[in-house]
PDB file of N, CA and C in Angstrom:
ATOM      1  N   ASP A   1      12.165   3.259  13.057  1.00  0.00           N
ATOM      2  CA  ASP A   1      13.028   2.089  12.909  1.00  0.00           C
ATOM      3  C   ASP A   1      13.204   1.458  14.279  1.00  0.00           C
ATOM      4  N   THR A   2      12.997   0.163  14.369  1.00  0.00           N
ATOM      5  CA  THR A   2      13.090  -0.552  15.634  1.00  0.00           C
ATOM      6  C   THR A   2      14.353  -1.390  15.718  1.00  0.00           C
ATOM      7  N   GLY A   3      15.334  -1.098  14.872  1.00  0.00           N
ATOM      8  CA  GLY A   3      16.543  -1.902  14.855  1.00  0.00           C
ATOM      9  C   GLY A   3      16.444  -3.100  13.941  1.00  0.00           C
ATOM     10  N   SER A   4      15.302  -3.261  13.290  1.00  0.00           N
ATOM     11  CA  SER A   4      15.104  -4.402  12.393  1.00  0.00           C
ATOM     12  C   SER A   4      15.688  -4.155  11.018  1.00  0.00           C
ATOM     13  N   GLY A   5      16.139  -2.929  10.754  1.00  0.00           N
ATOM     14  CA  GLY A   5      16.615  -2.597   9.423  1.00  0.00           C
ATOM     15  C   GLY A   5      15.491  -2.231   8.486  1.00  0.00           C
ATOM     16  N   PHE A   6      14.286  -2.031   8.996  1.00  0.00           N
ATOM     17  CA  PHE A   6      13.120  -1.666   8.196  1.00  0.00           C
ATOM     18  C   PHE A   6      12.605  -0.326   8.700  1.00  0.00           C
ATOM     19  N   ALA A   7      12.430   0.625   7.788  1.00  0.00           N
ATOM     20  CA  ALA A   7      11.947   1.954   8.154  1.00  0.00           C
ATOM     21  C   ALA A   7      10.716   2.303   7.328  1.00  0.00           C
ATOM     22  N   VAL A   8       9.811   3.060   7.932  1.00  0.00           N
ATOM     23  CA  VAL A   8       8.620   3.542   7.252  1.00  0.00           C
ATOM     24  C   VAL A   8       8.666   5.064   7.259  1.00  0.00           C
ATOM     25  N   VAL A   9       8.491   5.656   6.079  1.00  0.00           N
ATOM     26  CA  VAL A   9       8.459   7.102   5.925  1.00  0.00           C
ATOM     27  C   VAL A   9       7.052   7.481   5.479  1.00  0.00           C
ATOM     28  N   LEU A  10       6.390   8.351   6.240  1.00  0.00           N
ATOM     29  CA  LEU A  10       5.007   8.743   5.954  1.00  0.00           C
ATOM     30  C   LEU A  10       4.930  10.183   5.466  1.00  0.00           C
ATOM     31  N   ARG A  11       4.095  10.413   4.460  1.00  0.00           N
ATOM     32  CA  ARG A  11       3.711  11.750   4.023  1.00  0.00           C
ATOM     33  C   ARG A  11       2.232  11.657   3.698  1.00  0.00           C
ATOM     34  N   VAL A  12       1.411  12.235   4.560  1.00  0.00           N
ATOM     35  CA  VAL A  12      -0.027  12.002   4.483  1.00  0.00           C
ATOM     36  C   VAL A  12      -0.780  13.328   4.517  1.00  0.00           C
ATOM     37  N   ASP A  13      -1.604  13.573   3.485  1.00  0.00           N
ATOM     38  CA  ASP A  13      -2.532  14.703   3.495  1.00  0.00           C
ATOM     39  C   ASP A  13      -3.738  14.320   4.345  1.00  0.00           C
ATOM     40  N   GLN A  14      -4.331  15.297   4.987  1.00  0.00           N
ATOM     41  CA  GLN A  14      -5.512  15.034   5.810  1.00  0.00           C
ATOM     42  C   GLN A  14      -6.678  14.611   4.923  1.00  0.00           C
ATOM     43  N   ALA A  15      -7.385  13.575   5.344  1.00  0.00           N
ATOM     44  CA  ALA A  15      -8.547  13.084   4.603  1.00  0.00           C
ATOM     45  C   ALA A  15      -9.484  12.375   5.568  1.00  0.00           C
ATOM     46  N   ALA A  16     -10.763  12.462   5.292  1.00  0.00           N
ATOM     47  CA  ALA A  16     -11.770  11.748   6.071  1.00  0.00           C
ATOM     48  C   ALA A  16     -12.321  10.619   5.200  1.00  0.00           C
ATOM     49  N   VAL A  17     -12.463   9.439   5.805  1.00  0.00           N
ATOM     50  CA  VAL A  17     -12.993   8.286   5.084  1.00  0.00           C
ATOM     51  C   VAL A  17     -14.039   7.598   5.943  1.00  0.00           C
ATOM     52  N   SER A  18     -14.863   6.795   5.298  1.00  0.00           N
ATOM     53  CA  SER A  18     -15.857   6.023   6.034  1.00  0.00           C
ATOM     54  C   SER A  18     -15.165   4.904   6.814  1.00  0.00           C
ATOM     55  N   GLN A  19     -15.881   4.311   7.729  1.00  0.00           N
ATOM     56  CA  GLN A  19     -15.331   3.209   8.521  1.00  0.00           C
ATOM     57  C   GLN A  19     -14.972   2.028   7.630  1.00  0.00           C
ATOM     58  N   ASP A  20     -15.791   1.728   6.643  1.00  0.00           N
ATOM     59  CA  ASP A  20     -15.505   0.605   5.739  1.00  0.00           C
ATOM     60  C   ASP A  20     -14.227   0.844   4.946  1.00  0.00           C
ATOM     61  N   VAL A  21     -14.047   2.067   4.450  1.00  0.00           N
ATOM     62  CA  VAL A  21     -12.837   2.396   3.692  1.00  0.00           C
ATOM     63  C   VAL A  21     -11.624   2.346   4.616  1.00  0.00           C
ATOM     64  N   ALA A  22     -11.756   2.907   5.815  1.00  0.00           N
ATOM     65  CA  ALA A  22     -10.636   2.916   6.768  1.00  0.00           C
ATOM     66  C   ALA A  22     -10.185   1.497   7.098  1.00  0.00           C
ATOM     67  N   THR A  23     -11.118   0.605   7.282  1.00  0.00           N
ATOM     68  CA  THR A  23     -10.788  -0.786   7.605  1.00  0.00           C
ATOM     69  C   THR A  23     -10.044  -1.450   6.446  1.00  0.00           C
ATOM     70  N   SER A  24     -10.547  -1.265   5.228  1.00  0.00           N
ATOM     71  CA  SER A  24      -9.887  -1.862   4.053  1.00  0.00           C
ATOM     72  C   SER A  24      -8.505  -1.268   3.839  1.00  0.00           C
ATOM     73  N   VAL A  25      -8.361   0.049   4.011  1.00  0.00           N
ATOM     74  CA  VAL A  25      -7.061   0.697   3.829  1.00  0.00           C
ATOM     75  C   VAL A  25      -6.077   0.219   4.889  1.00  0.00           C
ATOM     76  N   ALA A  26      -6.528   0.091   6.131  1.00  0.00           N
ATOM     77  CA  ALA A  26      -5.642  -0.381   7.198  1.00  0.00           C
ATOM     78  C   ALA A  26      -5.147  -1.798   6.896  1.00  0.00           C
ATOM     79  N   PHE A  27      -6.033  -2.650   6.439  1.00  0.00           N
ATOM     80  CA  PHE A  27      -5.658  -4.019   6.092  1.00  0.00           C
ATOM     81  C   PHE A  27      -4.696  -4.018   4.905  1.00  0.00           C
ATOM     82  N   LEU A  28      -4.971  -3.174   3.890  1.00  0.00           N
ATOM     83  CA  LEU A  28      -4.104  -3.078   2.724  1.00  0.00           C
ATOM     84  C   LEU A  28      -2.699  -2.614   3.121  1.00  0.00           C
ATOM     85  N   LEU A  29      -2.613  -1.587   3.955  1.00  0.00           N
ATOM     86  CA  LEU A  29      -1.312  -1.098   4.424  1.00  0.00           C
ATOM     87  C   LEU A  29      -0.556  -2.187   5.179  1.00  0.00           C
ATOM     88  N   THR A  30      -1.251  -2.910   6.013  1.00  0.00           N
ATOM     89  CA  THR A  30      -0.629  -3.990   6.786  1.00  0.00           C
ATOM     90  C   THR A  30      -0.079  -5.077   5.865  1.00  0.00           C
ATOM     91  N   GLU A  31      -0.875  -5.479   4.887  1.00  0.00           N
ATOM     92  CA  GLU A  31      -0.439  -6.529   3.958  1.00  0.00           C
ATOM     93  C   GLU A  31       0.761  -6.080   3.122  1.00  0.00           C
ATOM     94  N   LEU A  32       0.723  -4.843   2.646  1.00  0.00           N
ATOM     95  CA  LEU A  32       1.838  -4.363   1.827  1.00  0.00           C
ATOM     96  C   LEU A  32       3.106  -4.165   2.657  1.00  0.00           C
ATOM     97  N   ALA A  33       2.976  -3.736   3.900  1.00  0.00           N
ATOM     98  CA  ALA A  33       4.148  -3.622   4.778  1.00  0.00           C
ATOM     99  C   ALA A  33       4.713  -5.007   5.075  1.00  0.00           C
ATOM    100  N   GLU A  34       3.838  -5.958   5.340  1.00  0.00           N
ATOM    101  CA  GLU A  34       4.288  -7.329   5.599  1.00  0.00           C
ATOM    102  C   GLU A  34       4.967  -7.930   4.365  1.00  0.00           C
ATOM    103  N   LEU A  35       4.423  -7.656   3.189  1.00  0.00           N
ATOM    104  CA  LEU A  35       5.039  -8.133   1.947  1.00  0.00           C
ATOM    105  C   LEU A  35       6.461  -7.581   1.822  1.00  0.00           C
ATOM    106  N   ALA A  36       6.633  -6.294   2.087  1.00  0.00           N
ATOM    107  CA  ALA A  36       7.971  -5.688   2.005  1.00  0.00           C
ATOM    108  C   ALA A  36       8.923  -6.335   3.004  1.00  0.00           C
ATOM    109  N   LEU A  37       8.447  -6.588   4.205  1.00  0.00           N
ATOM    110  CA  LEU A  37       9.285  -7.241   5.217  1.00  0.00           C
ATOM    111  C   LEU A  37       9.627  -8.671   4.825  1.00  0.00           C
ATOM    112  N   THR A  38       8.669  -9.381   4.255  1.00  0.00           N
ATOM    113  CA  THR A  38       8.851 -10.782   3.902  1.00  0.00           C
ATOM    114  C   THR A  38       9.827 -10.946   2.739  1.00  0.00           C
ATOM    115  N   VAL A  39       9.762 -10.038   1.779  1.00  0.00           N
ATOM    116  CA  VAL A  39      10.616 -10.150   0.596  1.00  0.00           C
ATOM    117  C   VAL A  39      12.079  -9.910   0.941  1.00  0.00           C
ATOM    118  N   GLY A  40      12.346  -8.957   1.828  1.00  0.00           N
ATOM    119  CA  GLY A  40      13.753  -8.709   2.137  1.00  0.00           C
ATOM    120  C   GLY A  40      13.952  -7.733   3.265  1.00  0.00           C
ATOM    121  N   GLY A  41      15.011  -7.929   4.020  1.00  0.00           N
ATOM    122  CA  GLY A  41      15.340  -7.041   5.129  1.00  0.00           C
ATOM    123  C   GLY A  41      16.095  -5.822   4.645  1.00  0.00           C
ATOM    124  N   GLY A  42      16.342  -4.913   5.564  1.00  0.00           N
ATOM    125  CA  GLY A  42      17.085  -3.709   5.233  1.00  0.00           C
ATOM    126  C   GLY A  42      16.360  -2.813   4.264  1.00  0.00           C
ATOM    127  N   GLN A  43      15.038  -2.847   4.309  1.00  0.00           N
ATOM    128  CA  GLN A  43      14.222  -2.104   3.357  1.00  0.00           C
ATOM    129  C   GLN A  43      13.666  -0.827   3.983  1.00  0.00           C
ATOM    130  N   ILE A  44      13.193   0.036   3.103  1.00  0.00           N
ATOM    131  CA  ILE A  44      12.476   1.236   3.503  1.00  0.00           C
ATOM    132  C   ILE A  44      11.151   1.235   2.760  1.00  0.00           C
ATOM    133  N   LEU A  45      10.119   1.686   3.429  1.00  0.00           N
ATOM    134  CA  LEU A  45       8.792   1.761   2.837  1.00  0.00           C
ATOM    135  C   LEU A  45       8.324   3.206   2.923  1.00  0.00           C
ATOM    136  N   HIS A  46       8.049   3.805   1.769  1.00  0.00           N
ATOM    137  CA  HIS A  46       7.491   5.152   1.710  1.00  0.00           C
ATOM    138  C   HIS A  46       5.989   5.023   1.521  1.00  0.00           C
ATOM    139  N   VAL A  47       5.220   5.697   2.379  1.00  0.00           N
ATOM    140  CA  VAL A  47       3.765   5.699   2.290  1.00  0.00           C
ATOM    141  C   VAL A  47       3.317   7.141   2.092  1.00  0.00           C
ATOM    142  N   ASP A  48       2.664   7.400   0.967  1.00  0.00           N
ATOM    143  CA  ASP A  48       2.151   8.733   0.650  1.00  0.00           C
ATOM    144  C   ASP A  48       0.646   8.644   0.450  1.00  0.00           C
ATOM    145  N   ALA A  49      -0.077   9.559   1.071  1.00  0.00           N
ATOM    146  CA  ALA A  49      -1.508   9.713   0.830  1.00  0.00           C
ATOM    147  C   ALA A  49      -1.693  11.150   0.366  1.00  0.00           C
ATOM    148  N   THR A  50      -1.990  11.323  -0.918  1.00  0.00           N
ATOM    149  CA  THR A  50      -2.033  12.646  -1.532  1.00  0.00           C
ATOM    150  C   THR A  50      -3.446  12.952  -2.014  1.00  0.00           C
ATOM    151  N   ALA A  51      -4.006  14.071  -1.538  1.00  0.00           N
ATOM    152  CA  ALA A  51      -5.328  14.492  -1.989  1.00  0.00           C
ATOM    153  C   ALA A  51      -5.289  14.758  -3.483  1.00  0.00           C
ATOM    154  N   GLU A  52      -6.290  14.237  -4.171  1.00  0.00           N
ATOM    155  CA  GLU A  52      -6.420  14.479  -5.604  1.00  0.00           C
ATOM    156  C   GLU A  52      -7.685  15.293  -5.825  1.00  0.00           C
ATOM    157  N   GLU A  53      -8.392  14.977  -6.891  1.00  0.00           N
ATOM    158  CA  GLU A  53      -9.642  15.691  -7.133  1.00  0.00           C
ATOM    159  C   GLU A  53     -10.600  15.447  -5.971  1.00  0.00           C
ATOM    160  N   ARG A  54     -11.595  16.294  -5.879  1.00  0.00           N
ATOM    161  CA  ARG A  54     -12.547  16.227  -4.772  1.00  0.00           C
ATOM    162  C   ARG A  54     -13.099  14.809  -4.612  1.00  0.00           C
ATOM    163  N   GLY A  55     -13.007  14.314  -3.408  1.00  0.00           N
ATOM    164  CA  GLY A  55     -13.550  13.000  -3.107  1.00  0.00           C
ATOM    165  C   GLY A  55     -12.580  11.846  -3.277  1.00  0.00           C
ATOM    166  N   TRP A  56     -11.298  12.135  -3.574  1.00  0.00           N
ATOM    167  CA  TRP A  56     -10.332  11.062  -3.779  1.00  0.00           C
ATOM    168  C   TRP A  56      -8.970  11.416  -3.194  1.00  0.00           C
ATOM    169  N   THR A  57      -8.317  10.410  -2.661  1.00  0.00           N
ATOM    170  CA  THR A  57      -6.929  10.505  -2.216  1.00  0.00           C
ATOM    171  C   THR A  57      -6.180   9.346  -2.845  1.00  0.00           C
ATOM    172  N   ARG A  58      -4.964   9.605  -3.315  1.00  0.00           N
ATOM    173  CA  ARG A  58      -4.141   8.545  -3.893  1.00  0.00           C
ATOM    174  C   ARG A  58      -3.194   8.029  -2.821  1.00  0.00           C
ATOM    175  N   LEU A  59      -3.282   6.747  -2.552  1.00  0.00           N
ATOM    176  CA  LEU A  59      -2.405   6.070  -1.609  1.00  0.00           C
ATOM    177  C   LEU A  59      -1.302   5.391  -2.410  1.00  0.00           C
ATOM    178  N   THR A  60      -0.046   5.756  -2.133  1.00  0.00           N
ATOM    179  CA  THR A  60       1.093   5.220  -2.867  1.00  0.00           C
ATOM    180  C   THR A  60       2.106   4.657  -1.883  1.00  0.00           C
ATOM    181  N   LEU A  61       2.519   3.423  -2.113  1.00  0.00           N
ATOM    182  CA  LEU A  61       3.546   2.782  -1.299  1.00  0.00           C
ATOM    183  C   LEU A  61       4.693   2.399  -2.215  1.00  0.00           C
ATOM    184  N   THR A  62       5.902   2.780  -1.812  1.00  0.00           N
ATOM    185  CA  THR A  62       7.081   2.506  -2.619  1.00  0.00           C
ATOM    186  C   THR A  62       8.131   1.833  -1.753  1.00  0.00           C
ATOM    187  N   SER A  63       8.706   0.749  -2.270  1.00  0.00           N
ATOM    188  CA  SER A  63       9.743   0.015  -1.556  1.00  0.00           C
ATOM    189  C   SER A  63      10.598  -0.758  -2.558  1.00  0.00           C
ATOM    190  N   PRO A  64      11.895  -0.863  -2.295  1.00  0.00           N
ATOM    191  CA  PRO A  64      12.727  -1.724  -3.143  1.00  0.00           C
ATOM    192  C   PRO A  64      12.222  -3.164  -3.158  1.00  0.00           C
ATOM    193  N   ALA A  65      11.517  -3.567  -2.118  1.00  0.00           N
ATOM    194  CA  ALA A  65      10.984  -4.933  -2.049  1.00  0.00           C
ATOM    195  C   ALA A  65       9.926  -5.200  -3.112  1.00  0.00           C
ATOM    196  N   TYR A  66       9.280  -4.144  -3.628  1.00  0.00           N
ATOM    197  CA  TYR A  66       8.220  -4.307  -4.619  1.00  0.00           C
ATOM    198  C   TYR A  66       8.744  -4.364  -6.051  1.00  0.00           C
ATOM    199  N   VAL A  67      10.051  -4.222  -6.229  1.00  0.00           N
ATOM    200  CA  VAL A  67      10.645  -4.358  -7.561  1.00  0.00           C
ATOM    201  C   VAL A  67      10.606  -5.840  -7.933  1.00  0.00           C
ATOM    202  N   ARG A  68      10.290  -6.115  -9.176  1.00  0.00           N
ATOM    203  CA  ARG A  68      10.150  -7.502  -9.635  1.00  0.00           C
ATOM    204  C   ARG A  68      11.421  -8.306  -9.349  1.00  0.00           C
ATOM    205  N   SER A  69      11.236  -9.399  -8.628  1.00  0.00           N
ATOM    206  CA  SER A  69      12.322 -10.335  -8.326  1.00  0.00           C
ATOM    207  C   SER A  69      11.698 -11.702  -8.110  1.00  0.00           C
ATOM    208  N   ASP A  70      12.518 -12.724  -8.068  1.00  0.00           N
ATOM    209  CA  ASP A  70      11.997 -14.071  -7.815  1.00  0.00           C
ATOM    210  C   ASP A  70      11.326 -14.153  -6.450  1.00  0.00           C
ATOM    211  N   ALA A  71      11.936 -13.533  -5.438  1.00  0.00           N
ATOM    212  CA  ALA A  71      11.369 -13.559  -4.085  1.00  0.00           C
ATOM    213  C   ALA A  71      10.025 -12.831  -4.045  1.00  0.00           C
ATOM    214  N   PHE A  72       9.933 -11.706  -4.721  1.00  0.00           N
ATOM    215  CA  PHE A  72       8.691 -10.936  -4.764  1.00  0.00           C
ATOM    216  C   PHE A  72       7.583 -11.744  -5.440  1.00  0.00           C
ATOM    217  N   ILE A  73       7.873 -12.306  -6.610  1.00  0.00           N
ATOM    218  CA  ILE A  73       6.885 -13.105  -7.352  1.00  0.00           C
ATOM    219  C   ILE A  73       6.432 -14.304  -6.522  1.00  0.00           C
ATOM    220  N   ALA A  74       7.360 -14.953  -5.846  1.00  0.00           N
ATOM    221  CA  ALA A  74       7.010 -16.114  -5.023  1.00  0.00           C
ATOM    222  C   ALA A  74       6.031 -15.723  -3.923  1.00  0.00           C
ATOM    223  N   GLN A  75       6.254 -14.597  -3.264  1.00  0.00           N
ATOM    224  CA  GLN A  75       5.356 -14.158  -2.191  1.00  0.00           C
ATOM    225  C   GLN A  75       3.983 -13.782  -2.734  1.00  0.00           C
ATOM    226  N   LEU A  76       3.942 -13.129  -3.901  1.00  0.00           N
ATOM    227  CA  LEU A  76       2.649 -12.808  -4.511  1.00  0.00           C
ATOM    228  C   LEU A  76       1.879 -14.078  -4.841  1.00  0.00           C
ATOM    229  N   ASP A  77       2.567 -15.048  -5.423  1.00  0.00           N
ATOM    230  CA  ASP A  77       1.913 -16.298  -5.814  1.00  0.00           C
ATOM    231  C   ASP A  77       1.452 -17.107  -4.609  1.00  0.00           C
ATOM    232  N   GLU A  78       2.249 -17.136  -3.562  1.00  0.00           N
ATOM    233  CA  GLU A  78       1.938 -17.962  -2.392  1.00  0.00           C
ATOM    234  C   GLU A  78       0.826 -17.384  -1.530  1.00  0.00           C
ATOM    235  N   ARG A  79       0.769 -16.054  -1.378  1.00  0.00           N
ATOM    236  CA  ARG A  79      -0.178 -15.499  -0.430  1.00  0.00           C
ATOM    237  C   ARG A  79      -0.697 -14.125  -0.779  1.00  0.00           C
ATOM    238  N   TYR A  80       0.188 -13.184  -1.016  1.00  0.00           N
ATOM    239  CA  TYR A  80      -0.194 -11.778  -1.026  1.00  0.00           C
ATOM    240  C   TYR A  80      -1.023 -11.357  -2.224  1.00  0.00           C
ATOM    241  N   GLY A  81      -0.801 -11.944  -3.382  1.00  0.00           N
ATOM    242  CA  GLY A  81      -1.534 -11.541  -4.577  1.00  0.00           C
ATOM    243  C   GLY A  81      -3.036 -11.646  -4.415  1.00  0.00           C
ATOM    244  N   ARG A  82      -3.492 -12.756  -3.884  1.00  0.00           N
ATOM    245  CA  ARG A  82      -4.933 -12.986  -3.696  1.00  0.00           C
ATOM    246  C   ARG A  82      -5.526 -12.004  -2.698  1.00  0.00           C
ATOM    247  N   VAL A  83      -4.826 -11.767  -1.600  1.00  0.00           N
ATOM    248  CA  VAL A  83      -5.309 -10.857  -0.558  1.00  0.00           C
ATOM    249  C   VAL A  83      -5.360  -9.421  -1.090  1.00  0.00           C
ATOM    250  N   LEU A  84      -4.310  -8.993  -1.795  1.00  0.00           N
ATOM    251  CA  LEU A  84      -4.277  -7.640  -2.333  1.00  0.00           C
ATOM    252  C   LEU A  84      -5.389  -7.420  -3.353  1.00  0.00           C
ATOM    253  N   LEU A  85      -5.650  -8.410  -4.183  1.00  0.00           N
ATOM    254  CA  LEU A  85      -6.741  -8.310  -5.152  1.00  0.00           C
ATOM    255  C   LEU A  85      -8.081  -8.174  -4.434  1.00  0.00           C
ATOM    256  N   GLY A  86      -8.281  -8.964  -3.400  1.00  0.00           N
ATOM    257  CA  GLY A  86      -9.528  -8.893  -2.636  1.00  0.00           C
ATOM    258  C   GLY A  86      -9.729  -7.536  -1.987  1.00  0.00           C
ATOM    259  N   LEU A  87      -8.667  -6.955  -1.464  1.00  0.00           N
ATOM    260  CA  LEU A  87      -8.774  -5.643  -0.823  1.00  0.00           C
ATOM    261  C   LEU A  87      -9.055  -4.546  -1.846  1.00  0.00           C
ATOM    262  N   SER A  88      -8.451  -4.630  -3.014  1.00  0.00           N
ATOM    263  CA  SER A  88      -8.739  -3.630  -4.047  1.00  0.00           C
ATOM    264  C   SER A  88     -10.196  -3.752  -4.499  1.00  0.00           C
ATOM    265  N   ARG A  89     -10.709  -4.948  -4.543  1.00  0.00           N
ATOM    266  CA  ARG A  89     -12.129  -5.131  -4.890  1.00  0.00           C
ATOM    267  C   ARG A  89     -13.026  -4.528  -3.824  1.00  0.00           C
ATOM    268  N   GLN A  90     -12.662  -4.684  -2.551  1.00  0.00           N
ATOM    269  CA  GLN A  90     -13.445  -4.064  -1.477  1.00  0.00           C
ATOM    270  C   GLN A  90     -13.467  -2.547  -1.624  1.00  0.00           C
ATOM    271  N   LEU A  91     -12.349  -1.972  -2.053  1.00  0.00           N
ATOM    272  CA  LEU A  91     -12.263  -0.528  -2.246  1.00  0.00           C
ATOM    273  C   LEU A  91     -12.822  -0.081  -3.596  1.00  0.00           C
ATOM    274  N   ARG A  92     -13.168  -1.042  -4.446  1.00  0.00           N
ATOM    275  CA  ARG A  92     -13.742  -0.795  -5.775  1.00  0.00           C
ATOM    276  C   ARG A  92     -12.831   0.070  -6.648  1.00  0.00           C
ATOM    277  N   GLU A  93     -11.538  -0.160  -6.512  1.00  0.00           N
ATOM    278  CA  GLU A  93     -10.538   0.558  -7.307  1.00  0.00           C
ATOM    279  C   GLU A  93      -9.411  -0.416  -7.648  1.00  0.00           C
ATOM    280  N   ALA A  94      -8.721  -0.133  -8.736  1.00  0.00           N
ATOM    281  CA  ALA A  94      -7.592  -0.967  -9.138  1.00  0.00           C
ATOM    282  C   ALA A  94      -6.374  -0.658  -8.274  1.00  0.00           C
ATOM    283  N   LEU A  95      -5.702  -1.704  -7.817  1.00  0.00           N
ATOM    284  CA  LEU A  95      -4.420  -1.565  -7.132  1.00  0.00           C
ATOM    285  C   LEU A  95      -3.352  -1.735  -8.201  1.00  0.00           C
ATOM    286  N   ASN A  96      -2.690  -0.639  -8.536  1.00  0.00           N
ATOM    287  CA  ASN A  96      -1.685  -0.638  -9.604  1.00  0.00           C
ATOM    288  C   ASN A  96      -0.318  -0.965  -9.031  1.00  0.00           C
ATOM    289  N   HIS A  97       0.445  -1.749  -9.774  1.00  0.00           N
ATOM    290  CA  HIS A  97       1.803  -2.093  -9.360  1.00  0.00           C
ATOM    291  C   HIS A  97       2.758  -1.781 -10.493  1.00  0.00           C
ATOM    292  N   ASP A  98       3.832  -1.045 -10.177  1.00  0.00           N
ATOM    293  CA  ASP A  98       4.889  -0.789 -11.139  1.00  0.00           C
ATOM    294  C   ASP A  98       6.103  -1.586 -10.679  1.00  0.00           C
ATOM    295  N   PRO A  99       6.424  -2.709 -11.341  1.00  0.00           N
ATOM    296  CA  PRO A  99       7.514  -3.579 -10.901  1.00  0.00           C
ATOM    297  C   PRO A  99       8.902  -3.013 -11.160  1.00  0.00           C
ATOM    298  N   VAL A 100       8.993  -1.931 -11.913  1.00  0.00           N
ATOM    299  CA  VAL A 100      10.287  -1.304 -12.189  1.00  0.00           C
ATOM    300  C   VAL A 100      10.645  -0.317 -11.076  1.00  0.00           C
ATOM    301  N   THR A 101       9.675   0.516 -10.677  1.00  0.00           N
ATOM    302  CA  THR A 101       9.929   1.510  -9.631  1.00  0.00           C
ATOM    303  C   THR A 101       9.651   0.981  -8.228  1.00  0.00           C
ATOM    304  N   GLY A 102       8.993  -0.183  -8.138  1.00  0.00           N
ATOM    305  CA  GLY A 102       8.657  -0.743  -6.827  1.00  0.00           C
ATOM    306  C   GLY A 102       7.555   0.034  -6.141  1.00  0.00           C
ATOM    307  N   THR A 103       6.493   0.344  -6.897  1.00  0.00           N
ATOM    308  CA  THR A 103       5.403   1.170  -6.382  1.00  0.00           C
ATOM    309  C   THR A 103       4.062   0.470  -6.531  1.00  0.00           C
ATOM    310  N   TYR A 104       3.249   0.596  -5.482  1.00  0.00           N
ATOM    311  CA  TYR A 104       1.832   0.236  -5.526  1.00  0.00           C
ATOM    312  C   TYR A 104       1.052   1.525  -5.322  1.00  0.00           C
ATOM    313  N   ASP A 105      -0.073   1.676  -6.036  1.00  0.00           N
ATOM    314  CA  ASP A 105      -0.940   2.815  -5.747  1.00  0.00           C
ATOM    315  C   ASP A 105      -2.390   2.463  -6.015  1.00  0.00           C
ATOM    316  N   ILE A 106      -3.263   3.173  -5.295  1.00  0.00           N
ATOM    317  CA  ILE A 106      -4.699   2.977  -5.408  1.00  0.00           C
ATOM    318  C   ILE A 106      -5.392   4.273  -5.018  1.00  0.00           C
ATOM    319  N   ARG A 107      -6.498   4.568  -5.691  1.00  0.00           N
ATOM    320  CA  ARG A 107      -7.322   5.716  -5.295  1.00  0.00           C
ATOM    321  C   ARG A 107      -8.253   5.283  -4.179  1.00  0.00           C
ATOM    322  N   VAL A 108      -8.416   6.163  -3.201  1.00  0.00           N
ATOM    323  CA  VAL A 108      -9.266   5.878  -2.047  1.00  0.00           C
ATOM    324  C   VAL A 108     -10.349   6.957  -1.976  1.00  0.00           C
ATOM    325  N   PRO A 109     -11.622   6.553  -1.875  1.00  0.00           N
ATOM    326  CA  PRO A 109     -12.686   7.564  -1.784  1.00  0.00           C
ATOM    327  C   PRO A 109     -12.635   8.256  -0.423  1.00  0.00           C
ATOM    328  N   THR A 110     -12.750   9.582  -0.459  1.00  0.00           N
ATOM    329  CA  THR A 110     -12.757  10.373   0.772  1.00  0.00           C
ATOM    330  C   THR A 110     -14.047  11.184   0.834  1.00  0.00           C
ATOM    331  N   ARG A 111     -14.268  11.786   1.985  1.00  0.00           N
ATOM    332  CA  ARG A 111     -15.435  12.651   2.153  1.00  0.00           C
ATOM    333  C   ARG A 111     -14.995  13.907   2.879  1.00  0.00           C
ATOM    334  N   PRO A 112     -15.780  14.949   2.807  1.00  0.00           N
ATOM    335  CA  PRO A 112     -15.395  16.190   3.499  1.00  0.00           C
ATOM    336  C   PRO A 112     -15.220  15.976   4.991  1.00  0.00           C
ATOM    337  N   ALA A 113     -14.199  16.613   5.560  1.00  0.00           N
ATOM    338  CA  ALA A 113     -13.970  16.529   7.010  1.00  0.00           C
ATOM    339  C   ALA A 113     -15.115  17.226   7.727  1.00  0.00           C
ATOM    340  N   ASP A 114     -15.492  16.697   8.880  1.00  0.00           N
ATOM    341  CA  ASP A 114     -16.598  17.290   9.671  1.00  0.00           C
ATOM    342  C   ASP A 114     -16.214  18.619  10.266  1.00  0.00           C
TER     343      ASP A 114
END
C-alpha cells in the first residue's frame, strides 16, 4: 500500500511460462489492476496463481471493483472490455468474470521448471 488506499495481496504458486505467455499475463494483470483503480478508490485486489492439472495454472483476481456497477460497466464499455478480450485471445483461453463475487479468472499454460 502506497497510501493511495489501494492494496494488492498476492498468493502465487511457482510456475514457468514462455516469454509470450509472460508478456500477455503481465499486460493482463496491469489492465485488471488499472481497471480496479479506475472504478473506485479504497479497494483491495487479491491475485492468486494456483497450479492446476499438469501444464496449467489458474490466475484469479478478485476485487470489490469488479462487482457489477454502473462505473464498472462504463469502464468496460469505454476501454477495458476490448483490451481484456484481446489478451484472453492471445492466451487462447476464456477470461471468466463473475460480477457477483467480483472475480476474473483465466487458465494460463505453464511448462516444467528448468
